[in-house]
Amino acid sequence: QVQLVESGGGLVEPGGSLRLSCAASGLTFSNCAMRWYRQAPGKGREFVAFIATTGDAASYGDSVAGRFTISRDNAKNTVYLQMNSLKRDDTAVYYCNTIWRTTAYWGQGTQVTVSS
């Protein structure tokens, strides 16, 4: 079955950096566009970033553009989210997402906490 497993979250001070990873299995990863979303306490799920199948196109939510970078390694079936200049407002559970054969799949999420 399809599985998406996020990792790399943790506690970081404002201005710091983290790199999230999402390992995919049970699908043809190179055929799947990938997305990152996040959900802060008491808020709805927010789009963070998108990357096309070959990695040649990406887009970002307004609140992270210029600070976050999405990338992928199709040989490792993994998508990454490099997060720089982190702010307290970036505190959230981060999820990766894809659509495979018309079904949307989500990982279990990884917690990112930005605090001093």
Protein backbone atom coordinates (compact mmCIF):
# COMPACT_ATOMS: atom_id res chain seq x y z
CA GLN A 1 0.00 0.00 0.00
CA VAL A 2 1.01 3.62 -0.42
CA GLN A 3 2.94 5.09 2.49
CA LEU A 4 4.35 8.54 3.05
CA VAL A 5 6.64 8.90 6.06
CA GLU A 6 7.83 12.33 7.16
CA SER A 7 10.86 12.96 9.35
CA GLY A 8 13.19 15.74 10.38
CA GLY A 9 10.94 17.87 12.55
CA GLY A 10 11.96 19.22 15.91
CA LEU A 11 12.53 22.28 18.06
CA VAL A 12 14.49 25.15 16.53
CA GLU A 13 15.11 28.75 17.52
CA PRO A 14 13.76 31.64 15.45
CA GLY A 15 16.07 32.27 12.51
CA GLY A 16 17.21 28.66 12.44
CA SER A 17 16.88 25.97 9.79
CA LEU A 18 15.47 22.48 9.46
CA ARG A 19 15.22 19.99 6.62
CA LEU A 20 12.19 17.75 6.43
CA SER A 21 12.10 14.52 4.47
CA CYS A 22 9.20 12.46 3.17
CA ALA A 23 9.90 8.90 2.03
CA ALA A 24 7.33 7.37 -0.29
CA SER A 25 6.58 3.74 -1.05
CA GLY A 26 3.89 1.72 -2.78
CA LEU A 27 3.71 4.00 -5.82
CA THR A 28 5.76 5.08 -8.81
CA PHE A 29 7.36 8.09 -7.16
CA SER A 30 8.80 9.56 -10.35
CA ASN A 31 5.24 9.87 -11.72
CA CYS A 32 3.94 11.76 -8.69
CA ALA A 33 3.93 15.49 -8.10
CA MET A 34 4.51 16.08 -4.40
CA ARG A 35 3.28 18.70 -1.96
CA TRP A 36 3.96 19.87 1.56
CA TYR A 37 1.21 21.25 3.77
CA ARG A 38 1.18 22.35 7.37
CA GLN A 39 -1.36 22.76 10.13
CA ALA A 40 -0.85 25.04 13.09
CA PRO A 41 -2.80 24.61 16.34
CA GLY A 42 -6.37 25.84 15.91
CA LYS A 43 -5.93 26.53 12.19
CA GLY A 44 -6.78 24.81 8.95
CA ARG A 45 -4.32 22.97 6.74
CA GLU A 46 -2.17 25.38 4.70
CA PHE A 47 -0.38 24.76 1.40
CA VAL A 48 3.38 25.12 1.73
CA ALA A 49 5.08 23.89 -1.44
CA PHE A 50 4.68 21.87 -4.65
CA ILE A 51 7.19 20.12 -6.86
CA ALA A 52 6.59 18.57 -10.26
CA THR A 53 7.52 14.99 -11.11
CA THR A 54 10.96 15.78 -12.52
CA GLY A 55 11.71 18.57 -10.06
CA ASP A 56 11.89 21.19 -12.80
CA ALA A 57 8.96 23.19 -11.48
CA ALA A 58 8.03 24.26 -7.97
CA SER A 59 5.71 26.70 -6.27
CA TYR A 60 5.30 27.99 -2.72
CA GLY A 61 2.75 29.46 -0.40
CA ASP A 62 3.06 33.20 0.12
CA SER A 63 4.07 32.85 3.76
CA VAL A 64 7.12 30.67 2.99
CA ALA A 65 8.26 31.87 -0.44
CA GLY A 66 11.91 32.91 -0.38
CA ARG A 67 12.63 31.00 2.84
CA PHE A 68 11.66 27.39 2.05
CA THR A 69 12.91 25.19 -0.80
CA ILE A 70 11.30 21.96 -1.96
CA SER A 71 13.36 19.33 -3.76
CA ARG A 72 13.19 15.65 -4.60
CA ASP A 73 15.40 12.64 -5.25
CA ASN A 74 13.54 10.21 -7.49
CA ALA A 75 16.24 7.58 -6.99
CA LYS A 76 15.48 7.60 -3.26
CA ASN A 77 11.70 8.10 -3.54
CA THR A 78 12.06 11.08 -1.24
CA VAL A 79 10.92 14.69 -1.23
CA TYR A 80 12.56 17.31 0.96
CA LEU A 81 11.64 20.67 2.43
CA GLN A 82 14.55 22.91 3.38
CA MET A 83 13.29 25.54 5.80
CA ASN A 84 15.46 28.58 6.51
CA SER A 85 14.92 31.77 8.50
CA LEU A 86 12.27 30.04 10.54
CA LYS A 87 9.72 32.14 12.40
CA ARG A 88 7.47 31.35 15.34
CA ASP A 89 4.54 31.39 12.92
CA ASP A 90 6.10 28.39 11.12
CA THR A 91 5.25 26.22 14.14
CA ALA A 92 2.97 23.47 12.86
CA VAL A 93 2.66 19.84 11.95
CA TYR A 94 4.05 19.40 8.44
CA TYR A 95 2.56 16.82 6.09
CA CYS A 96 3.57 15.56 2.68
CA ASN A 97 0.92 14.72 0.16
CA THR A 98 0.51 13.18 -3.25
CA ILE A 99 -2.21 11.92 -5.55
CA TRP A 100 -1.72 8.42 -6.92
CA ARG A 101 -4.31 6.82 -9.20
CA THR A 102 -6.92 9.47 -8.29
CA THR A 103 -6.49 8.94 -4.53
CA ALA A 104 -4.90 11.51 -2.23
CA TYR A 105 -2.40 10.21 0.31
CA TRP A 106 -1.02 11.91 3.39
CA GLY A 107 1.79 11.14 5.76
CA GLN A 108 1.38 11.09 9.53
CA GLY A 109 3.07 14.47 9.88
CA THR A 110 6.16 15.77 11.65
CA GLN A 111 6.06 18.48 14.31
CA VAL A 112 8.09 21.65 13.80
CA THR A 113 8.30 24.01 16.75
CA VAL A 114 10.01 27.37 16.43
CA SER A 115 10.70 28.83 19.85
CA SER A 116 13.45 30.37 21.91
